[in-house]
N, C-alpha and C. Protein backbone atom coordinates (compact mmCIF):
# COMPACT_ATOMS: atom_id res chain seq x y z
N MET A 1 -3.56 -4.49 -12.13
CA MET A 1 -2.36 -5.29 -11.04
C MET A 1 -1.24 -4.54 -10.19
N VAL A 2 -1.09 -4.23 -9.49
CA VAL A 2 -0.13 -3.35 -8.97
C VAL A 2 0.83 -4.17 -8.39
N LYS A 3 2.51 -4.09 -9.32
CA LYS A 3 3.57 -4.59 -8.54
C LYS A 3 4.15 -4.06 -7.69
N THR A 4 4.85 -4.97 -6.59
CA THR A 4 5.39 -4.34 -5.75
C THR A 4 6.61 -5.23 -5.61
N ALA A 5 7.64 -4.20 -4.87
CA ALA A 5 9.35 -5.05 -4.63
C ALA A 5 9.26 -5.43 -3.37
N SER A 6 10.27 -6.29 -3.47
CA SER A 6 10.99 -6.90 -2.06
C SER A 6 10.92 -5.71 -1.37
N THR A 7 11.27 -5.25 0.11
CA THR A 7 11.88 -4.11 1.10
C THR A 7 13.49 -4.71 0.88
N MET A 8 13.87 -5.92 0.97
CA MET A 8 15.39 -6.18 0.66
C MET A 8 15.84 -6.20 2.43
N LEU A 9 15.06 -7.37 2.90
CA LEU A 9 15.50 -7.24 4.30
C LEU A 9 17.14 -7.30 4.57
N PRO A 10 17.57 -6.62 5.45
CA PRO A 10 19.42 -6.79 5.48
C PRO A 10 19.89 -7.97 5.32
N LEU A 11 21.04 -8.54 4.75
CA LEU A 11 21.69 -9.54 4.80
C LEU A 11 22.59 -9.82 6.11
N GLY A 12 22.31 -11.08 6.80
CA GLY A 12 22.57 -11.35 8.17
C GLY A 12 21.88 -11.35 8.78
N THR A 13 20.71 -10.30 8.79
CA THR A 13 19.41 -10.63 9.71
C THR A 13 19.10 -12.27 9.99
N GLN A 14 18.64 -12.19 11.62
CA GLN A 14 18.33 -13.59 12.01
C GLN A 14 16.91 -14.04 11.47
N ALA A 15 16.60 -15.11 11.09
CA ALA A 15 15.45 -15.50 10.47
C ALA A 15 14.21 -15.42 12.20
N PRO A 16 13.79 -14.51 11.70
CA PRO A 16 12.60 -14.40 12.95
C PRO A 16 11.60 -15.71 13.06
N ASP A 17 11.14 -15.61 14.54
CA ASP A 17 10.67 -17.02 14.85
C ASP A 17 9.32 -17.11 14.18
N PHE A 18 8.55 -18.19 13.79
CA PHE A 18 7.52 -18.35 13.78
C PHE A 18 6.86 -19.79 14.34
N SER A 19 5.46 -19.78 14.61
CA SER A 19 4.97 -21.10 14.91
C SER A 19 3.11 -20.74 14.46
N LEU A 20 3.05 -21.51 13.02
CA LEU A 20 2.19 -21.26 12.63
C LEU A 20 1.53 -22.51 12.21
N PRO A 21 0.01 -22.87 11.69
CA PRO A 21 -0.62 -23.97 11.39
C PRO A 21 -0.37 -24.25 9.78
N ASN A 22 0.08 -25.37 9.59
CA ASN A 22 0.30 -25.66 8.05
C ASN A 22 -1.29 -26.66 7.73
N VAL A 23 -1.07 -26.84 6.07
CA VAL A 23 -2.31 -27.23 5.57
C VAL A 23 -2.92 -28.52 6.13
N ASP A 24 -1.82 -29.31 6.52
CA ASP A 24 -2.32 -30.44 7.36
C ASP A 24 -2.78 -30.78 8.75
N GLY A 25 -2.78 -29.41 9.62
CA GLY A 25 -3.25 -29.11 10.39
C GLY A 25 -2.67 -29.29 11.72
N ASN A 26 -1.29 -29.46 11.38
CA ASN A 26 -0.09 -29.53 12.31
C ASN A 26 0.60 -28.20 12.49
N THR A 27 1.22 -27.96 13.77
CA THR A 27 1.90 -26.37 13.69
C THR A 27 3.50 -26.91 13.27
N VAL A 28 3.73 -25.68 12.66
CA VAL A 28 5.14 -25.54 12.36
C VAL A 28 5.79 -24.59 12.76
N THR A 29 6.85 -24.80 13.46
CA THR A 29 7.99 -23.75 14.02
C THR A 29 9.09 -23.30 12.83
N ARG A 30 9.97 -22.18 13.31
CA ARG A 30 11.27 -22.34 12.58
C ARG A 30 12.01 -23.36 13.06
N GLN A 31 11.77 -23.50 14.85
CA GLN A 31 12.84 -24.40 15.20
C GLN A 31 12.82 -25.84 14.78
N ASP A 32 11.66 -26.04 14.06
CA ASP A 32 11.62 -27.44 13.13
C ASP A 32 12.76 -27.58 12.29
N PHE A 33 13.31 -26.50 11.82
CA PHE A 33 14.63 -26.74 10.63
C PHE A 33 16.12 -26.33 11.50
N ALA A 34 15.94 -26.26 12.54
CA ALA A 34 16.92 -25.98 13.10
C ALA A 34 18.63 -26.78 12.15
N GLY A 35 19.43 -25.79 11.93
CA GLY A 35 20.57 -26.51 11.70
C GLY A 35 20.66 -27.06 10.19
N ARG A 36 19.73 -26.50 9.34
CA ARG A 36 19.25 -26.81 8.01
C ARG A 36 19.19 -25.12 7.12
N PRO A 37 19.57 -25.21 5.86
CA PRO A 37 19.27 -23.94 5.22
C PRO A 37 17.98 -23.90 5.28
N LEU A 38 17.53 -22.48 5.11
CA LEU A 38 15.95 -22.59 5.09
C LEU A 38 15.44 -21.46 4.22
N VAL A 39 14.54 -21.94 3.21
CA VAL A 39 13.86 -20.62 2.39
C VAL A 39 12.33 -20.49 2.73
N VAL A 40 12.01 -19.60 3.30
CA VAL A 40 10.65 -19.08 3.53
C VAL A 40 10.43 -18.16 2.18
N ILE A 41 9.11 -18.61 1.90
CA ILE A 41 8.21 -17.58 0.73
C ILE A 41 7.16 -17.07 1.21
N PHE A 42 6.60 -15.79 1.45
CA PHE A 42 5.67 -15.48 1.43
C PHE A 42 4.78 -15.51 0.12
N MET A 43 3.30 -16.33 -0.01
CA MET A 43 3.16 -16.37 -1.27
C MET A 43 1.37 -16.43 -0.75
N CYS A 44 0.71 -16.68 -2.14
CA CYS A 44 -0.67 -17.12 -1.63
C CYS A 44 -1.07 -17.95 -3.04
N ASN A 45 -2.74 -18.23 -2.93
CA ASN A 45 -2.87 -19.01 -4.32
C ASN A 45 -3.30 -18.40 -5.34
N HIS A 46 -3.95 -16.68 -5.38
CA HIS A 46 -4.31 -16.66 -6.28
C HIS A 46 -3.45 -15.38 -7.13
N CYS A 47 -2.33 -14.71 -6.51
CA CYS A 47 -1.25 -13.99 -7.01
C CYS A 47 -1.00 -14.40 -8.58
N PRO A 48 -0.90 -13.64 -9.32
CA PRO A 48 -0.15 -14.37 -10.88
C PRO A 48 0.73 -14.64 -10.92
N PHE A 49 1.66 -13.67 -10.04
CA PHE A 49 3.26 -13.82 -9.72
C PHE A 49 3.40 -15.14 -9.65
N VAL A 50 2.59 -15.63 -8.41
CA VAL A 50 2.99 -17.05 -7.60
C VAL A 50 2.63 -18.44 -8.42
N VAL A 51 0.85 -18.29 -9.30
CA VAL A 51 0.89 -19.12 -10.22
C VAL A 51 1.68 -19.15 -11.69
N HIS A 52 2.21 -17.56 -11.79
CA HIS A 52 3.52 -18.16 -13.00
C HIS A 52 4.59 -19.07 -12.65
N ILE A 53 4.86 -19.23 -11.27
CA ILE A 53 6.13 -19.69 -11.00
C ILE A 53 5.44 -20.94 -10.17
N ARG A 54 4.78 -21.51 -10.04
CA ARG A 54 3.84 -22.55 -9.17
C ARG A 54 4.63 -24.06 -9.78
N GLU A 55 4.40 -23.96 -10.88
CA GLU A 55 4.78 -25.55 -11.05
C GLU A 55 6.61 -25.63 -10.79
N ALA A 56 7.49 -24.40 -11.73
CA ALA A 56 8.76 -24.62 -11.32
C ALA A 56 9.00 -24.69 -9.52
N LEU A 57 8.40 -23.96 -8.96
CA LEU A 57 8.57 -23.80 -7.30
C LEU A 57 8.54 -25.20 -7.01
N ALA A 58 7.04 -25.55 -6.83
CA ALA A 58 6.76 -27.19 -6.45
C ALA A 58 8.03 -28.16 -6.92
N LYS A 59 8.66 -28.00 -8.32
CA LYS A 59 9.97 -29.11 -8.57
C LYS A 59 11.03 -28.40 -7.71
N PHE A 60 11.24 -27.17 -7.47
CA PHE A 60 12.47 -26.78 -6.96
C PHE A 60 12.50 -27.25 -5.29
N ALA A 61 11.35 -27.19 -4.71
CA ALA A 61 11.15 -27.53 -3.38
C ALA A 61 11.62 -29.03 -3.15
N THR A 62 10.79 -29.99 -3.99
CA THR A 62 11.07 -31.22 -4.04
C THR A 62 12.33 -31.58 -4.55
N GLU A 63 12.99 -30.90 -5.38
CA GLU A 63 14.54 -31.54 -5.65
C GLU A 63 15.41 -31.02 -4.27
N TYR A 64 15.33 -29.74 -4.04
CA TYR A 64 16.30 -29.41 -3.28
C TYR A 64 16.03 -29.84 -1.69
N ALA A 65 15.01 -30.21 -1.48
CA ALA A 65 14.41 -30.67 -0.17
C ALA A 65 15.31 -32.29 -0.10
N GLU A 66 15.79 -33.12 -1.12
CA GLU A 66 16.48 -34.21 -0.97
C GLU A 66 17.64 -33.57 -0.82
N ARG A 67 18.24 -32.55 -1.28
CA ARG A 67 19.62 -32.13 -0.72
C ARG A 67 19.70 -31.61 0.60
N GLY A 68 18.89 -31.18 1.41
CA GLY A 68 19.18 -31.00 2.57
C GLY A 68 18.21 -29.77 3.02
N LEU A 69 17.76 -28.67 2.08
CA LEU A 69 17.11 -27.66 2.38
C LEU A 69 15.93 -28.02 2.51
N ALA A 70 15.58 -26.73 3.34
CA ALA A 70 14.03 -27.00 3.84
C ALA A 70 13.57 -25.42 2.92
N VAL A 71 12.02 -25.71 2.81
CA VAL A 71 11.61 -24.61 1.82
C VAL A 71 9.93 -24.85 3.09
N VAL A 72 9.71 -23.28 3.45
CA VAL A 72 7.90 -22.97 3.60
C VAL A 72 7.82 -22.27 3.27
N GLY A 73 6.39 -22.35 2.82
CA GLY A 73 5.40 -21.10 2.10
C GLY A 73 4.71 -20.80 3.02
N ILE A 74 4.33 -19.21 3.33
CA ILE A 74 3.91 -18.56 3.86
C ILE A 74 2.41 -17.86 3.56
N SER A 75 1.26 -18.05 3.53
CA SER A 75 0.41 -16.93 3.44
C SER A 75 -0.49 -15.82 4.15
N SER A 76 -0.04 -15.01 3.91
CA SER A 76 -0.31 -13.98 5.20
C SER A 76 -1.74 -12.97 4.69
N ASN A 77 -2.19 -13.55 3.39
CA ASN A 77 -3.06 -12.01 3.03
C ASN A 77 -4.57 -12.10 4.24
N ASP A 78 -5.25 -11.39 3.77
CA ASP A 78 -6.43 -10.63 4.64
C ASP A 78 -7.32 -11.53 3.87
N VAL A 79 -7.71 -12.81 4.18
CA VAL A 79 -8.86 -13.48 3.99
C VAL A 79 -10.22 -12.78 3.97
N GLY A 80 -10.15 -11.83 4.90
CA GLY A 80 -12.16 -10.87 4.56
C GLY A 80 -11.96 -10.63 3.21
N SER A 81 -11.07 -9.95 2.69
CA SER A 81 -10.78 -9.23 1.15
C SER A 81 -10.60 -10.28 0.19
N HIS A 82 -9.92 -11.25 0.32
CA HIS A 82 -9.36 -12.35 -0.35
C HIS A 82 -9.70 -13.71 0.56
N PRO A 83 -10.92 -14.44 0.26
CA PRO A 83 -11.27 -15.61 0.59
C PRO A 83 -10.62 -16.61 -0.02
N GLN A 84 -10.17 -16.44 -0.90
CA GLN A 84 -9.65 -17.58 -2.03
C GLN A 84 -8.10 -17.50 -1.71
N ASP A 85 -8.03 -17.17 -0.62
CA ASP A 85 -6.40 -17.19 0.07
C ASP A 85 -6.48 -18.07 1.56
N GLY A 86 -7.94 -18.32 1.51
CA GLY A 86 -8.10 -19.00 3.31
C GLY A 86 -7.31 -20.26 3.24
N PRO A 87 -7.33 -20.78 4.90
CA PRO A 87 -6.49 -21.91 5.03
C PRO A 87 -7.46 -23.53 4.22
N GLU A 88 -8.70 -23.14 3.88
CA GLU A 88 -9.07 -24.53 3.10
C GLU A 88 -8.69 -24.19 1.79
N GLU A 89 -8.70 -23.13 1.19
CA GLU A 89 -8.25 -23.29 -0.37
C GLU A 89 -6.46 -23.28 -0.29
N MET A 90 -5.93 -22.76 0.85
CA MET A 90 -4.57 -23.26 0.65
C MET A 90 -4.37 -24.80 0.83
N LYS A 91 -5.61 -25.50 1.42
CA LYS A 91 -5.18 -26.93 1.45
C LYS A 91 -4.95 -27.53 0.03
N GLN A 92 -6.59 -27.05 -0.41
CA GLN A 92 -6.67 -27.55 -1.92
C GLN A 92 -5.53 -27.50 -2.99
N GLU A 93 -5.12 -25.89 -2.37
CA GLU A 93 -3.94 -25.54 -3.48
C GLU A 93 -2.58 -26.34 -3.60
N ALA A 94 -2.14 -26.63 -2.40
CA ALA A 94 -1.20 -27.77 -1.98
C ALA A 94 -1.52 -28.73 -3.05
N GLN A 95 -2.55 -29.11 -2.79
CA GLN A 95 -2.61 -30.66 -3.16
C GLN A 95 -2.44 -30.28 -4.79
N ASP A 96 -3.38 -29.79 -5.30
CA ASP A 96 -3.25 -29.43 -6.74
C ASP A 96 -1.93 -29.29 -7.31
N ALA A 97 -0.98 -28.06 -6.79
CA ALA A 97 -0.05 -27.63 -7.03
C ALA A 97 1.62 -28.44 -6.81
N GLY A 98 1.08 -29.66 -6.33
CA GLY A 98 1.93 -30.57 -5.85
C GLY A 98 3.19 -30.27 -5.02
N TYR A 99 2.68 -29.04 -3.84
CA TYR A 99 3.66 -28.59 -2.63
C TYR A 99 4.02 -29.89 -1.61
N GLN A 100 4.93 -30.18 -1.84
CA GLN A 100 5.81 -31.07 -0.75
C GLN A 100 6.38 -30.50 0.52
N PHE A 101 6.18 -29.16 0.61
CA PHE A 101 6.69 -28.05 1.70
C PHE A 101 5.55 -27.68 2.57
N PRO A 102 5.57 -27.36 3.85
CA PRO A 102 4.90 -26.67 4.61
C PRO A 102 4.26 -25.35 3.64
N TYR A 103 2.71 -25.40 4.09
CA TYR A 103 2.26 -24.21 3.72
C TYR A 103 1.34 -23.77 4.55
N LEU A 104 1.61 -22.50 4.95
CA LEU A 104 1.54 -22.23 6.67
C LEU A 104 0.58 -20.79 6.70
N TYR A 105 -0.53 -20.62 7.53
CA TYR A 105 -1.63 -19.67 7.55
C TYR A 105 -0.90 -18.60 8.60
N ASP A 106 -0.70 -17.23 8.27
CA ASP A 106 -0.34 -16.13 8.90
C ASP A 106 -1.51 -15.38 9.18
N ALA A 107 -2.57 -15.98 9.98
CA ALA A 107 -3.63 -15.12 10.50
C ALA A 107 -3.21 -13.53 10.99
N THR A 108 -2.46 -13.78 11.53
CA THR A 108 -2.36 -12.49 12.14
C THR A 108 -1.68 -11.30 11.72
N GLN A 109 -0.68 -11.74 10.42
CA GLN A 109 -0.11 -11.08 9.77
C GLN A 109 1.62 -10.84 10.35
N GLU A 110 1.77 -11.27 11.61
CA GLU A 110 2.58 -10.88 12.40
C GLU A 110 4.03 -11.45 11.90
N THR A 111 3.88 -12.90 11.25
CA THR A 111 4.93 -13.06 10.51
C THR A 111 5.49 -12.42 9.60
N ALA A 112 4.69 -11.95 8.87
CA ALA A 112 5.30 -11.19 7.40
C ALA A 112 5.27 -9.91 7.74
N ILE A 113 5.24 -9.12 8.80
CA ILE A 113 5.69 -8.02 9.35
C ILE A 113 7.08 -8.15 10.15
N ALA A 114 7.50 -9.24 10.82
CA ALA A 114 8.49 -9.45 11.23
C ALA A 114 9.33 -9.73 10.25
N TYR A 115 9.02 -10.14 9.14
CA TYR A 115 10.20 -10.59 7.84
C TYR A 115 10.40 -9.47 6.90
N ARG A 116 9.49 -8.51 7.27
CA ARG A 116 9.05 -7.10 6.36
C ARG A 116 9.00 -7.82 4.88
N ALA A 117 8.05 -8.81 5.04
CA ALA A 117 7.36 -8.95 3.46
C ALA A 117 6.38 -8.20 3.08
N ALA A 118 6.76 -7.65 1.75
CA ALA A 118 6.22 -6.71 1.00
C ALA A 118 5.00 -7.68 -0.26
N CYS A 119 5.51 -8.80 -0.56
CA CYS A 119 5.04 -8.98 -2.01
C CYS A 119 4.76 -10.50 -2.04
N THR A 120 4.00 -10.85 -2.85
CA THR A 120 4.20 -12.41 -2.98
C THR A 120 4.20 -13.03 -4.68
N PRO A 121 5.50 -13.25 -4.77
CA PRO A 121 6.34 -14.34 -3.79
C PRO A 121 7.46 -13.16 -3.44
N ASP A 122 7.59 -13.09 -2.24
CA ASP A 122 8.64 -12.61 -1.39
C ASP A 122 9.85 -13.68 -0.82
N ILE A 123 10.58 -13.80 -1.43
CA ILE A 123 12.02 -15.08 -0.68
C ILE A 123 12.98 -14.76 -0.40
N PHE A 124 13.06 -15.33 0.72
CA PHE A 124 14.04 -15.53 1.68
C PHE A 124 14.89 -16.59 2.20
N LEU A 125 16.51 -16.62 1.68
CA LEU A 125 17.21 -17.72 2.00
C LEU A 125 17.69 -17.37 3.48
N PHE A 126 17.90 -18.62 4.44
CA PHE A 126 18.62 -18.46 5.47
C PHE A 126 19.57 -19.52 5.34
N ASP A 127 20.90 -19.67 5.97
CA ASP A 127 21.86 -20.36 6.15
C ASP A 127 21.60 -21.56 6.96
N ALA A 128 22.25 -22.47 7.52
CA ALA A 128 22.25 -23.33 8.37
C ALA A 128 21.70 -22.53 9.72
N ASP A 129 22.62 -21.49 10.00
CA ASP A 129 22.10 -20.75 11.34
C ASP A 129 21.13 -20.03 11.32
N HIS A 130 20.36 -20.02 9.95
CA HIS A 130 19.31 -19.05 9.98
C HIS A 130 19.87 -17.60 9.61
N ALA A 131 21.22 -17.24 9.34
CA ALA A 131 21.31 -16.02 8.98
C ALA A 131 20.89 -15.70 7.57
N LEU A 132 20.27 -14.32 7.39
CA LEU A 132 19.69 -14.40 5.97
C LEU A 132 21.39 -13.77 5.22
N VAL A 133 21.19 -14.59 3.79
CA VAL A 133 22.34 -15.15 2.87
C VAL A 133 21.47 -14.58 1.57
N TYR A 134 20.46 -14.48 1.33
CA TYR A 134 19.52 -13.96 -0.10
C TYR A 134 18.19 -13.62 0.41
N ARG A 135 18.00 -12.71 -0.65
CA ARG A 135 16.44 -12.24 -0.41
C ARG A 135 16.64 -11.48 -1.96
N GLY A 136 15.62 -12.01 -2.69
CA GLY A 136 15.23 -11.62 -3.93
C GLY A 136 14.26 -12.43 -4.72
N GLN A 137 14.46 -12.61 -6.27
CA GLN A 137 13.64 -12.96 -6.85
C GLN A 137 13.77 -14.62 -7.37
N PHE A 138 12.83 -15.17 -7.54
CA PHE A 138 12.93 -16.62 -8.34
C PHE A 138 13.82 -16.68 -9.07
N ASP A 139 13.31 -16.41 -9.98
CA ASP A 139 14.22 -15.91 -11.53
C ASP A 139 13.50 -14.43 -12.27
N SER A 140 13.63 -13.95 -13.35
CA SER A 140 13.44 -13.21 -14.04
C SER A 140 12.40 -13.15 -14.90
N SER A 141 11.47 -14.02 -14.81
CA SER A 141 10.59 -14.76 -15.63
C SER A 141 9.45 -13.78 -14.93
N ARG A 142 8.48 -12.87 -15.42
CA ARG A 142 7.27 -12.55 -15.16
C ARG A 142 6.15 -12.96 -15.82
N PRO A 143 5.10 -12.57 -15.43
CA PRO A 143 3.83 -13.10 -16.36
C PRO A 143 3.90 -12.39 -17.50
N GLY A 144 3.76 -12.91 -18.90
CA GLY A 144 3.66 -12.13 -20.01
C GLY A 144 4.85 -11.67 -20.48
N ASN A 145 6.56 -11.76 -19.59
CA ASN A 145 7.44 -11.21 -20.19
C ASN A 145 8.36 -12.26 -21.05
N GLY A 146 7.55 -13.28 -21.73
CA GLY A 146 8.06 -14.36 -22.69
C GLY A 146 9.73 -14.84 -21.89
N VAL A 147 9.97 -14.87 -20.62
CA VAL A 147 11.25 -15.41 -20.00
C VAL A 147 10.94 -16.62 -19.61
N ALA A 148 11.50 -17.68 -19.95
CA ALA A 148 11.04 -18.93 -19.21
C ALA A 148 11.38 -19.26 -17.95
N VAL A 149 10.93 -19.64 -17.20
CA VAL A 149 10.60 -20.07 -15.78
C VAL A 149 11.56 -21.08 -15.40
N THR A 150 13.22 -21.00 -14.73
CA THR A 150 13.81 -21.72 -14.22
C THR A 150 14.46 -21.73 -12.77
N GLY A 151 13.96 -20.26 -12.30
CA GLY A 151 14.26 -20.82 -10.69
C GLY A 151 15.46 -20.23 -10.49
N GLU A 152 16.25 -19.80 -11.65
CA GLU A 152 17.84 -19.89 -11.66
C GLU A 152 18.79 -19.01 -10.29
N ASP A 153 17.86 -17.67 -10.23
CA ASP A 153 18.37 -16.95 -9.17
C ASP A 153 18.49 -17.94 -7.88
N LEU A 154 17.47 -18.02 -7.03
CA LEU A 154 17.33 -18.88 -6.13
C LEU A 154 17.80 -20.15 -5.74
N ARG A 155 17.94 -21.22 -7.21
CA ARG A 155 18.90 -22.24 -7.38
C ARG A 155 20.03 -21.65 -7.34
N ALA A 156 20.80 -20.70 -7.97
CA ALA A 156 22.30 -20.40 -7.41
C ALA A 156 22.71 -20.18 -6.15
N ALA A 157 21.56 -19.26 -5.36
CA ALA A 157 21.75 -18.94 -4.31
C ALA A 157 21.66 -20.17 -3.12
N CYS A 158 21.23 -20.96 -3.69
CA CYS A 158 20.79 -22.22 -3.07
C CYS A 158 21.96 -23.48 -2.94
N ASP A 159 22.35 -23.44 -4.07
CA ASP A 159 23.84 -24.21 -4.21
C ASP A 159 24.61 -23.69 -3.63
N ALA A 160 24.80 -22.24 -3.99
CA ALA A 160 26.48 -21.54 -2.90
C ALA A 160 26.10 -21.85 -1.51
N VAL A 161 24.82 -21.81 -0.86
CA VAL A 161 24.84 -22.33 0.61
C VAL A 161 24.92 -23.67 0.72
N LEU A 162 24.45 -24.73 0.03
CA LEU A 162 24.34 -25.79 0.23
C LEU A 162 26.28 -26.30 -0.26
N GLN A 163 27.15 -25.59 -0.46
CA GLN A 163 28.27 -25.93 -0.69
C GLN A 163 29.37 -25.07 -0.16
N GLY A 164 28.44 -24.13 1.10
CA GLY A 164 29.16 -23.72 2.03
C GLY A 164 29.67 -22.14 1.36
N GLN A 165 29.29 -21.79 0.61
CA GLN A 165 29.45 -20.77 0.09
C GLN A 165 28.91 -19.57 0.26
N ALA A 166 29.25 -18.34 0.11
CA ALA A 166 27.90 -17.17 0.04
C ALA A 166 27.09 -17.46 -1.23
N PRO A 167 26.03 -16.79 -1.34
CA PRO A 167 25.64 -16.20 -2.61
C PRO A 167 26.05 -14.83 -3.37
N ALA A 168 26.01 -15.05 -4.39
CA ALA A 168 26.47 -13.75 -5.12
C ALA A 168 25.52 -12.30 -4.43
N GLY A 169 26.81 -11.27 -4.68
CA GLY A 169 26.20 -10.05 -3.40
C GLY A 169 25.19 -9.45 -4.16
N SER A 170 25.12 -9.33 -5.65
CA SER A 170 24.07 -8.80 -6.27
C SER A 170 22.84 -9.36 -6.36
N GLN A 171 21.89 -8.95 -5.89
CA GLN A 171 20.46 -9.41 -5.74
C GLN A 171 19.65 -9.11 -6.43
N THR A 172 18.42 -9.68 -7.06
CA THR A 172 17.33 -8.65 -7.55
C THR A 172 16.11 -8.90 -6.62
N PRO A 173 15.65 -7.75 -6.33
CA PRO A 173 14.27 -7.56 -5.73
C PRO A 173 13.54 -9.26 -6.25
N SER A 174 12.33 -9.33 -5.41
CA SER A 174 11.40 -10.05 -5.70
C SER A 174 10.21 -9.29 -6.72
N ILE A 175 9.37 -9.54 -7.21
CA ILE A 175 8.62 -8.05 -7.56
C ILE A 175 7.27 -9.26 -7.84
N GLY A 176 5.86 -8.65 -7.08
CA GLY A 176 4.60 -9.20 -7.56
C GLY A 176 3.59 -8.35 -6.77
N CYS A 177 2.53 -9.12 -6.69
CA CYS A 177 1.17 -8.22 -5.95
C CYS A 177 1.71 -7.94 -4.53
N ASN A 178 1.18 -6.87 -4.27
CA ASN A 178 1.16 -6.57 -2.62
C ASN A 178 0.47 -7.48 -1.70
N ILE A 179 1.07 -8.01 -0.62
CA ILE A 179 0.71 -8.47 0.68
C ILE A 179 -0.81 -7.96 0.99
N LYS A 180 -2.00 -8.60 0.78
CA LYS A 180 -3.02 -7.48 1.18
C LYS A 180 -3.37 -7.77 2.67
N TRP A 181 -3.00 -6.32 3.22
CA TRP A 181 -3.05 -5.88 4.91
C TRP A 181 -4.34 -6.03 4.91
N ARG A 182 -4.51 -5.93 6.11
CA ARG A 182 -6.20 -6.13 6.87
C ARG A 182 -6.51 -4.51 6.84
N ALA A 183 -7.33 -4.08 6.82
CA ALA A 183 -7.70 -2.79 7.00
C ALA A 183 -6.89 -1.96 7.96
N GLY A 184 -6.03 -1.25 7.70
CA GLY A 184 -5.64 -0.36 8.70
C GLY A 184 -4.44 -1.29 9.58
N ALA A 185 -4.28 -2.05 8.77
CA ALA A 185 -3.14 -2.78 9.62
C ALA A 185 -1.65 -2.94 8.57
N GLU A 186 -1.45 -1.99 7.50
CA GLU A 186 -0.48 -2.10 6.74
C GLU A 186 0.77 -1.73 7.35
N PRO A 187 1.81 -2.52 7.46
CA PRO A 187 3.01 -1.66 8.44
C PRO A 187 3.52 -0.75 7.92
N ASP A 188 3.85 0.27 8.76
CA ASP A 188 5.33 1.60 8.51
C ASP A 188 5.83 1.41 7.27
N TYR A 189 6.37 0.35 7.54
CA TYR A 189 7.86 -0.18 6.29
C TYR A 189 7.38 -0.15 4.87
N PHE A 190 5.67 -0.96 4.90
CA PHE A 190 5.01 -0.92 3.29
C PHE A 190 4.38 0.24 3.29
N THR A 191 4.33 1.18 3.83
CA THR A 191 3.51 2.45 3.87
C THR A 191 4.57 3.59 2.75
N GLY A 192 4.32 3.51 1.61
CA GLY A 192 5.12 4.62 0.84
C GLY A 192 6.12 3.61 -0.10
N LEU A 193 5.98 2.62 0.32
CA LEU A 193 7.23 1.64 -0.87
C LEU A 193 6.52 1.67 -2.34
N PRO A 194 7.68 2.03 -3.20
CA PRO A 194 6.89 2.91 -4.65
C PRO A 194 6.67 1.18 -5.37
N ALA A 195 5.75 1.40 -5.92
CA ALA A 195 4.99 0.35 -7.07
C ALA A 195 6.16 0.40 -7.91
N VAL A 196 6.22 -0.67 -8.46
CA VAL A 196 7.06 -0.88 -10.13
C VAL A 196 6.52 -1.85 -11.27
């Protein structure tokens, strides 16, 4: 299992547009969340780092949706090499995990590239104008490190945004499995990123 860190997209970046199919069959776009703070999480079904936070992520998303925060999960993995991350499997995973947020499939991987996503989970928080204010870890828990999964880093950032404040300037990159790019499709920004 190779660990890969987030590329840490520059703060202030405007959220790239997307229009992707959800597990319920509907198409979801970034504009659907206009005027609301938005968390975009690149994730997948099989990654042990995602599985590790799965239950806490579902609870976080449900809790913060009640406070006006939108959450979207996006799977961009190549299903040729990782069929367990395909759309039908995503539908089952959303049901099993209790995800109440859209779980979208990025078949072309263009959305992952637009966000400079590198790992699963790779987490981005945009304010109500969809400017990037946080990119980093859910919390400091990792599979096997004995630290409880709380979501404290993302929760603190979301709390700040919902109160009209800027999240803390010090942000720790998310770490997880690398996105499974199609053969020959690994983006330039990802080539040569150090494993951690």
